[in-house]
Protein backbone atom coordinates (compact mmCIF):
# COMPACT_ATOMS: atom_id res chain seq x y z
CA MET A 1 132.84 182.35 110.82
CA LEU A 2 134.03 180.25 113.62
CA GLY A 3 136.70 178.85 111.25
CA TYR A 4 138.02 182.29 110.90
CA LEU A 5 138.16 183.15 114.05
CA VAL A 6 140.32 179.96 115.12
CA LEU A 7 142.66 180.55 112.06
CA ALA A 8 142.90 184.12 113.54
CA PHE A 9 143.74 182.77 117.34
CA LEU A 10 146.10 180.52 116.42
CA THR A 11 148.14 183.72 114.40
CA PHE A 12 147.85 185.40 117.19
CA MET A 13 149.14 182.96 119.35
CA THR A 14 152.07 181.92 116.90
CA LEU A 15 153.04 185.56 117.03
CA LEU A 16 152.62 186.06 120.59
CA HIS A 17 154.93 183.38 121.31
CA PHE A 18 157.50 184.35 118.82
CA PHE A 19 157.62 187.89 119.92
CA ILE A 20 158.09 187.01 124.01
CA GLY A 21 160.88 184.66 122.67
CA ASN A 22 159.22 180.69 123.25
CA ILE A 23 159.76 179.98 119.81
CA SER A 24 162.33 181.10 117.03
CA ILE A 25 161.58 182.79 114.11
CA ASP A 26 162.15 179.49 111.84
CA ILE A 27 159.25 177.80 113.83
CA THR A 28 157.31 181.15 113.56
CA ALA A 29 157.67 181.14 109.86
CA PHE A 30 156.77 177.56 109.23
CA ALA A 31 153.60 178.01 111.59
CA MET A 32 152.58 180.92 109.45
CA PHE A 33 152.98 178.84 106.29
CA ILE A 34 150.77 176.10 107.81
CA LEU A 35 148.40 178.80 108.90
CA ILE A 36 148.24 180.30 105.01
CA LEU A 37 147.65 176.89 103.28
CA ALA A 38 144.70 176.48 106.24
CA PHE A 39 143.31 179.81 105.41
CA VAL A 40 143.37 179.45 101.55
CA VAL A 41 141.67 175.69 101.87
CA TYR A 42 139.28 176.90 104.57
CA THR A 43 138.10 180.26 102.09
CA ASP A 44 137.60 177.84 99.37
CA ARG A 45 136.21 175.15 101.06
CA LYS A 46 133.04 174.88 99.50
CA LYS A 47 134.67 173.70 95.87
CA VAL A 48 137.45 171.61 98.12
CA LYS A 49 136.66 168.08 97.98
CA LEU A 50 138.48 165.36 100.18
CA GLU A 51 139.40 162.12 98.33
CA GLY A 52 140.91 159.65 100.52
CA ILE A 53 143.30 161.27 102.75
CA ILE A 54 144.07 164.03 99.90
CA LEU A 55 141.89 167.44 99.60
CA ILE A 56 141.33 168.23 95.86
CA ARG A 57 140.29 171.45 94.22
CA ARG A 58 139.12 171.27 90.61
CA THR A 59 138.15 174.25 88.56
CA LYS A 60 138.14 175.28 84.49
CA LYS A 61 140.31 178.05 84.99
CA GLY A 62 143.95 177.70 83.36
CA ARG A 63 142.34 175.60 80.32
CA SER A 64 142.20 178.48 78.23
CA LEU A 65 146.05 179.49 79.03
CA ILE A 66 147.10 175.93 78.10
CA ASP A 67 145.12 176.17 74.77
CA ARG A 68 146.88 179.24 73.85
CA ILE A 69 150.33 177.69 74.59
CA ALA A 70 149.32 174.66 72.65
CA ARG A 71 148.44 176.82 69.32
CA LYS A 72 151.60 178.81 69.37
CA ASN A 73 153.75 177.16 67.26
CA PRO A 74 152.17 173.52 67.54
CA TRP A 75 154.88 172.25 65.05
CA PHE A 76 157.76 173.35 67.64
CA TRP A 77 155.89 171.62 70.53
CA LYS A 78 155.24 168.35 68.72
CA LYS A 79 159.08 168.19 68.21
CA VAL A 80 159.58 169.10 71.49
CA TYR A 81 157.56 166.31 73.12
CA ILE A 82 159.01 163.62 70.50
CA LEU A 83 162.44 164.51 72.15
CA GLY A 84 160.55 164.15 75.29
CA VAL A 85 159.85 160.56 74.73
CA MET A 86 163.52 160.23 73.41
CA VAL A 87 164.88 161.56 77.08
CA ALA A 88 162.32 159.83 79.24
CA ILE A 89 163.06 156.22 77.84
CA PRO A 90 166.58 156.14 78.19
CA ALA A 91 166.06 157.99 82.08
CA LEU A 92 163.66 155.46 82.93
CA ILE A 93 166.34 152.97 82.32
CA PHE A 94 169.25 155.05 84.23
CA VAL A 95 167.06 155.85 87.06
CA SER A 96 166.04 152.11 87.80
CA VAL A 97 169.62 150.74 87.33
CA PHE A 98 170.59 153.61 90.04
CA LEU A 99 167.90 152.32 92.18
CA PHE A 100 169.25 149.00 91.84
CA THR A 101 172.96 149.57 92.32
CA ASN A 102 172.33 152.13 95.32
CA SER A 103 170.23 149.33 96.88
CA LEU A 104 173.24 146.98 96.66
CA SER A 105 175.85 149.65 98.11
CA ILE A 106 173.23 150.22 101.04
CA LEU A 107 173.60 146.69 101.77
CA GLU A 108 177.03 146.54 101.74
CA GLY A 109 177.33 149.58 103.88
CA HIS A 110 178.97 151.81 101.26
CA GLU A 111 176.00 154.15 100.91
CA GLU A 112 174.97 156.41 103.36
CA GLY A 113 172.30 158.73 101.52
CA GLY A 114 169.58 156.56 99.51
CA VAL A 115 166.83 158.15 98.37
CA ARG A 116 164.98 160.99 100.40
CA PHE A 117 162.11 162.74 100.87
CA LEU A 118 162.47 166.60 100.40
CA LEU A 119 159.95 168.17 103.51
CA PRO A 120 159.71 171.51 104.65
CA GLY A 121 160.19 172.48 108.27
CA PRO A 122 161.07 175.05 110.81
CA VAL A 123 164.67 175.05 109.92
CA SER A 124 167.09 177.81 108.80
CA THR A 125 169.28 175.56 106.65
CA PRO A 126 168.51 171.94 105.09
CA ILE A 127 168.93 169.04 107.72
CA THR A 128 169.57 165.32 106.43
CA ALA A 129 168.15 162.31 108.75
CA PRO A 130 167.54 158.91 107.32
CA GLY A 131 164.81 158.97 104.96
CA VAL A 132 164.18 162.56 104.56
CA PHE A 133 165.77 166.10 103.53
CA ILE A 134 164.34 168.85 105.54
CA VAL A 135 165.04 171.90 104.24
CA PRO A 136 163.61 175.99 104.91
CA TRP A 137 159.72 176.04 104.09
CA TRP A 138 160.26 179.02 101.27
CA ILE A 139 163.01 176.75 99.65
CA TRP A 140 160.59 174.21 99.75
CA VAL A 141 157.98 176.29 98.18
CA ILE A 142 160.05 177.94 95.19
CA GLY A 143 161.39 174.27 94.60
CA VAL A 144 157.47 172.68 94.30
CA MET A 145 156.33 175.59 92.36
CA SER A 146 159.25 175.07 89.89
CA VAL A 147 158.26 171.20 89.54
CA MET A 148 154.60 171.32 89.64
CA PHE A 149 153.53 174.08 87.17
CA PRO A 150 156.35 173.19 84.51
CA HIS A 151 155.28 169.51 84.77
CA GLU A 152 151.51 169.68 84.60
CA ILE A 153 151.23 172.31 82.09
CA SER A 154 153.63 170.03 79.64
CA HIS A 155 151.30 167.19 79.81
CA GLY A 156 148.21 169.67 78.99
CA ILE A 157 150.07 171.15 76.20
CA VAL A 158 150.47 167.72 74.44
CA CYS A 159 146.73 166.47 75.38
CA ARG A 160 146.02 169.41 73.42
CA LEU A 161 148.04 169.06 70.56
CA GLU A 162 146.86 165.60 70.34
CA LYS A 163 143.28 166.84 70.47
CA ILE A 164 142.45 165.19 73.90
CA ARG A 165 140.23 167.43 76.08
CA ILE A 166 141.33 168.82 79.50
CA LYS A 167 138.33 167.97 81.93
CA ALA A 168 139.93 170.00 84.54
CA VAL A 169 142.97 171.81 86.10
CA GLY A 170 143.59 172.01 89.93
CA TRP A 171 145.49 171.83 93.24
CA ILE A 172 145.63 168.66 95.92
CA LEU A 173 146.64 168.89 99.27
CA LEU A 174 148.52 166.08 101.53
CA LEU A 175 148.27 167.47 104.91
CA PHE A 176 150.31 170.72 104.28
CA ILE A 177 151.91 169.32 101.21
CA PRO A 178 150.46 170.94 98.08
CA GLY A 179 150.67 169.38 94.65
CA ALA A 180 148.87 170.32 91.26
CA PHE A 181 146.97 168.61 88.46
CA VAL A 182 145.90 168.61 84.85
CA GLU A 183 143.01 166.00 84.26
CA PRO A 184 142.50 165.11 80.61
CA ASP A 185 139.57 163.16 79.63
CA GLU A 186 140.24 159.48 80.50
CA LYS A 187 138.29 157.62 77.50
CA GLN A 188 139.92 159.88 74.80
CA LEU A 189 143.44 159.19 75.99
CA LYS A 190 142.61 155.56 76.48
CA LYS A 191 141.58 155.68 72.80
CA ALA A 192 144.82 157.39 71.54
CA LYS A 193 147.60 156.11 69.49
CA ARG A 194 150.39 154.11 71.62
CA SER A 195 152.75 157.21 70.31
CA THR A 196 150.39 160.04 71.63
CA LYS A 197 150.16 158.25 75.01
CA LEU A 198 153.78 158.07 75.53
CA LYS A 199 154.02 161.90 74.48
CA VAL A 200 151.60 162.60 77.27
CA TYR A 201 152.78 160.58 80.02
CA SER A 202 156.74 161.75 79.29
CA ALA A 203 156.04 165.39 78.93
CA GLY A 204 155.71 165.87 82.66
CA SER A 205 159.23 164.62 83.85
CA PHE A 206 160.71 165.89 80.47
CA ALA A 207 159.75 169.38 81.35
CA ASN A 208 161.28 168.93 84.63
CA ILE A 209 164.71 167.25 83.62
CA MET A 210 164.75 170.09 80.98
CA ILE A 211 164.75 172.88 83.54
CA ALA A 212 167.54 171.08 85.79
CA PHE A 213 169.69 170.70 82.64
CA THR A 214 168.75 174.63 81.87
CA VAL A 215 170.02 175.82 85.56
CA LEU A 216 173.19 173.30 85.34
CA ALA A 217 173.97 174.95 81.76
CA VAL A 218 173.43 178.68 82.70
CA PHE A 219 175.27 178.24 85.96
CA THR A 220 178.42 176.37 84.10
CA LEU A 221 178.46 179.10 81.39
CA LEU A 222 178.07 182.17 84.33
CA SER A 223 181.16 180.63 86.59
CA GLY A 224 183.18 180.61 83.31
CA ALA A 225 182.16 183.82 82.33
CA LEU A 226 182.15 185.63 85.94
CA PHE A 227 184.97 183.63 87.28
CA GLN A 228 188.49 183.64 85.80
CA PRO A 229 191.44 181.54 87.12
CA ALA A 230 193.90 183.67 89.45
CA GLY A 231 195.90 181.95 91.42
CA VAL A 232 196.43 178.95 94.12
CA ASN A 233 194.87 178.58 97.45
CA PHE A 234 197.10 176.73 100.00
CA GLN A 235 197.82 175.61 103.22
CA ALA A 236 201.61 176.48 104.48
CA ILE A 237 203.27 173.41 105.85
CA GLU A 238 204.94 173.75 109.46
CA ASN A 239 208.52 175.32 109.81
CA SER A 240 208.54 175.50 105.31
CA SER A 241 209.61 178.44 103.93
CA ALA A 242 206.05 179.39 103.21
CA ASN A 243 205.23 179.10 107.03
CA LEU A 244 208.31 180.99 108.16
CA SER A 245 207.54 183.69 105.81
CA GLY A 246 203.89 184.26 106.96
CA LEU A 247 202.55 183.40 103.42
CA SER A 248 198.49 183.07 103.61
CA GLY A 249 195.76 183.10 101.37
CA SER A 250 196.34 182.32 97.38
CA ILE A 251 199.57 182.41 95.62
CA ILE A 252 198.61 184.89 92.19
CA ASN A 253 202.09 185.88 91.03
CA ILE A 254 205.88 184.68 91.66
CA ASN A 255 208.23 186.99 90.56
CA ASN A 256 205.54 188.95 88.53
CA ILE A 257 204.76 185.55 86.45
CA PRO A 258 200.92 184.79 87.08
CA VAL A 259 200.29 181.47 88.90
CA ASN A 260 196.76 179.99 87.72
CA SER A 261 197.37 176.20 88.95
CA ALA A 262 199.07 173.78 90.92
CA GLU A 263 201.27 172.77 87.92
CA GLY A 264 201.84 176.31 86.96
CA LEU A 265 203.38 177.03 90.79
CA SER A 266 205.18 173.76 90.18
CA GLY A 267 206.45 174.84 86.90
CA ILE A 268 208.03 177.92 88.32
CA LEU A 269 209.39 176.52 91.48
CA SER A 270 210.97 174.02 89.20
CA GLU A 271 213.27 176.83 87.59
CA HIS A 272 214.72 177.47 91.00
CA GLU A 273 217.19 176.22 93.48
CA PRO A 274 217.13 175.78 97.19
CA GLY A 275 218.22 179.13 98.83
CA ASP A 276 216.85 181.40 95.76
CA ILE A 277 214.69 184.29 97.10
CA ILE A 278 211.40 184.26 95.00
CA TYR A 279 208.75 187.39 95.42
CA VAL A 280 205.48 185.98 95.82
CA GLU A 281 202.02 188.01 95.69
CA THR A 282 199.34 186.65 97.73
CA ALA A 283 195.61 187.49 97.70
CA LYS A 284 194.38 188.22 101.15
CA ASN A 285 190.10 188.42 100.66
CA ASN A 286 189.39 184.71 100.08
CA PHE A 287 185.75 183.62 99.75
CA ILE A 288 184.15 180.25 99.27
CA ALA A 289 181.50 180.28 96.54
CA PRO A 290 179.34 177.50 95.16
CA THR A 291 179.32 176.30 91.17
CA PHE A 292 178.94 174.00 88.69
CA ARG A 293 182.04 172.72 86.81
CA PHE A 294 181.26 170.48 83.62
CA THR A 295 184.06 167.59 84.09
CA GLY A 296 182.35 165.29 81.27
CA ASP A 297 181.08 162.65 84.12
CA LEU A 298 178.74 162.56 87.10
CA ASP A 299 180.21 164.72 88.93
CA SER A 300 179.22 167.46 86.75
CA PHE A 301 175.72 167.35 88.04
CA ILE A 302 176.97 167.98 91.15
CA PRO A 303 177.57 171.28 92.39
CA THR A 304 181.42 171.96 94.04
CA LEU A 305 182.65 174.75 95.96
CA MET A 306 185.35 177.41 94.67
CA VAL A 307 188.01 179.74 96.17
CA VAL A 308 187.26 183.41 95.00
CA THR A 309 189.13 186.37 95.45
CA THR A 310 188.22 189.94 94.43
CA LEU A 311 191.88 191.06 94.26
CA ASN A 312 191.28 193.81 96.31
CA GLU A 313 193.75 193.34 99.06
CA THR A 314 197.05 191.70 98.14
CA GLU A 315 200.47 191.25 99.60
CA GLU A 316 204.15 190.78 98.44
CA LYS A 317 206.89 188.54 100.04
CA ALA A 318 210.50 187.72 99.86
CA VAL A 319 210.70 184.12 100.23
CA THR A 320 213.79 181.98 100.97
CA LEU A 321 212.83 178.67 99.25
CA GLY A 322 214.13 175.42 101.19
CA SER A 323 215.21 172.25 100.11
CA LYS A 324 213.48 168.70 99.68
CA ASP A 325 214.89 165.88 97.85
CA GLY A 326 217.67 168.61 96.63
CA LYS A 327 214.84 170.56 94.90
CA ALA A 328 213.63 173.89 95.54
CA PHE A 329 210.69 173.68 98.06
CA LEU A 330 208.13 176.25 98.77
CA GLY A 331 206.44 174.11 101.67
CA VAL A 332 202.74 175.00 100.55
CA THR A 333 200.08 171.85 100.16
CA ASN A 334 196.18 171.26 100.05
CA LEU A 335 196.67 173.37 96.38
CA VAL A 336 192.96 174.55 95.34
CA PRO A 337 192.50 176.69 92.38
CA THR A 338 191.46 180.56 93.09
CA TYR A 339 189.43 182.21 90.70
CA SER A 340 188.95 185.99 90.54
CA THR A 341 185.53 188.24 89.95
CA SER A 342 184.24 191.31 90.25
CA VAL A 343 180.59 190.27 91.05
CA ASP A 344 179.27 190.25 94.61
CA ILE A 345 179.81 187.09 96.06
CA VAL A 346 177.09 186.82 98.60
CA LEU A 347 174.50 188.33 95.69
CA TYR A 348 175.90 185.38 93.55
CA SER A 349 175.96 182.71 96.39
CA THR A 350 172.33 183.65 97.09
CA ILE A 351 171.02 183.38 93.50
CA PHE A 352 173.04 180.50 92.88
CA ILE A 353 171.76 178.76 96.26
CA VAL A 354 167.82 179.22 95.29
CA PHE A 355 168.48 178.06 91.70
CA LEU A 356 170.55 174.74 92.94
CA TRP A 357 167.36 173.95 94.68
CA ILE A 358 165.16 174.36 91.68
CA TYR A 359 167.77 172.23 89.88
CA ILE A 360 167.65 169.28 92.68
CA PHE A 361 163.79 169.47 93.13
CA ASN A 362 163.48 169.19 89.28
CA LEU A 363 166.00 166.76 88.69
CA GLY A 364 165.23 164.61 91.39
CA ILE A 365 161.30 164.76 91.21
CA GLY A 366 161.48 164.27 87.52
CA LEU A 367 163.61 161.07 87.56
CA ILE A 368 161.84 159.56 90.34
CA ASN A 369 158.44 160.19 88.34
CA LEU A 370 160.09 158.04 85.73
CA LEU A 371 160.36 154.86 87.70
CA PRO A 372 158.20 152.23 86.14
CA ILE A 373 156.04 151.88 89.02
CA LYS A 374 152.52 152.28 88.08
CA PRO A 375 150.79 155.16 88.14
CA LEU A 376 153.84 157.16 88.32
CA ASP A 377 154.48 158.47 84.54
CA GLY A 378 157.30 155.86 84.06
CA GLY A 379 154.81 153.12 84.81
CA LEU A 380 152.37 154.43 82.21
CA VAL A 381 155.32 154.62 79.97
CA PHE A 382 156.79 151.29 80.63
CA GLU A 383 153.15 149.55 80.40
CA GLU A 384 152.80 151.35 76.66
CA ILE A 385 156.33 150.00 75.62
CA THR A 386 155.30 146.33 77.03
CA LYS A 387 152.23 146.33 75.45
CA LYS A 388 153.71 146.63 72.10
CA PHE A 389 155.96 143.75 72.76
CA THR A 390 153.53 141.21 74.71
CA LYS A 391 150.04 140.45 75.67
CA LYS A 392 150.93 139.86 79.14
CA SER A 393 151.78 143.10 79.88
CA LYS A 394 149.72 143.84 82.96
CA VAL A 395 151.21 140.96 84.71
CA ILE A 396 154.89 142.30 83.89
CA VAL A 397 154.20 145.81 84.60
CA ARG A 398 152.49 144.44 88.17
CA VAL A 399 155.63 142.37 89.01
CA VAL A 400 158.12 145.29 87.66
CA SER A 401 155.90 148.12 89.59
CA GLY A 402 156.39 145.87 92.99
CA ILE A 403 159.73 145.47 92.34
CA MET A 404 160.80 149.14 92.15
CA LEU A 405 158.63 150.15 94.62
CA PHE A 406 160.05 147.59 97.26
CA LEU A 407 163.68 149.12 96.04
CA LEU A 408 162.48 153.05 96.21
CA VAL A 409 161.31 152.17 99.86
CA PHE A 410 164.50 150.14 100.96
CA ASN A 411 166.39 153.25 99.44
CA ILE A 412 164.38 155.49 102.01
CA ILE A 413 164.73 153.22 104.81
CA GLY A 414 167.62 150.93 104.41
CA PRO A 415 170.44 153.33 105.42
CA ILE A 416 168.69 153.37 108.75
CA PHE A 417 169.44 149.61 109.30
CA PHE A 418 172.32 149.47 107.13
């Protein structure tokens, strides 16, 4: 009873300070988030155990759900998790090489980022700092939930497919950072075939990587379907024809010929002479919206910003072309493609930002978890692979785990010193 009174008092004081203006809504919301976690833990305190500095709650609930999923189309799931191993091993190599090369870049002073902890905080917009990336608590909750449940359920599905008993499922809490787990029968898992162990260990990160790539694919396809090339956004050069004519926004037509790219604009201007009069139609209502653009390289996995117009407000002006190097010169620079759409830009951007964080959490945590550091899943995968080729696998795994752990820590704290 005393615990509930303390929580009620803390809640009252938090809300009181908010209403009298002593603390911001961001701090209030974050404090309420902590208090809700405390309430949940306190209410269930008889079944919560403290192991070291981690609170653990085990339960038998959830096992039947995992069983039902595993029994439904077992042939499909087996093929999926074979693919999971095929994805996990190259991903393990990729993230290890990335960590090494990123460490070299930090040493040379070329890399300001490095690896960062994603933590919730009393902020309204994400804040970056050496070693940490603080995001609004609600974004963090959505991101963590999107990682935990697919990750652990995937581990559980493979266990049941391979007839390995699940002893318990549950949640953990480190300070205010929650997590989830599926606890297999360690004796059965230890006696299982190497291929079974590889599938079990790879399943969680594979699920996270697949979620990330699904988000990437969906928004890449959506951007192609919802946003069509419609013009070229620009800045007018001072005292140029564009500047003197008062052009602004995005050029969508010249002499009723659509302009969809910088190349198209150059092509039209190349057909004119200095002193020619052209009629330039521009779109005024330009917005910035985030998206993914597939370019066939690593940049495809990084979100970009695009200029968007709804074409609701346009203006046409007669412009006398100037001259530069004897050629017709309009006087525009910083050309960026403009896209037209009929969707609500604010709604689209909001949805995109939420799924962007789901993408970041799943890709980042999924890859980090595949680092060859025991007891991470990647460390367990690496151990099984080395066992196949050498009897000194324990020594190799210990050495590699130590090196990779050092590189990981250096990626977190290195940018502070270099």
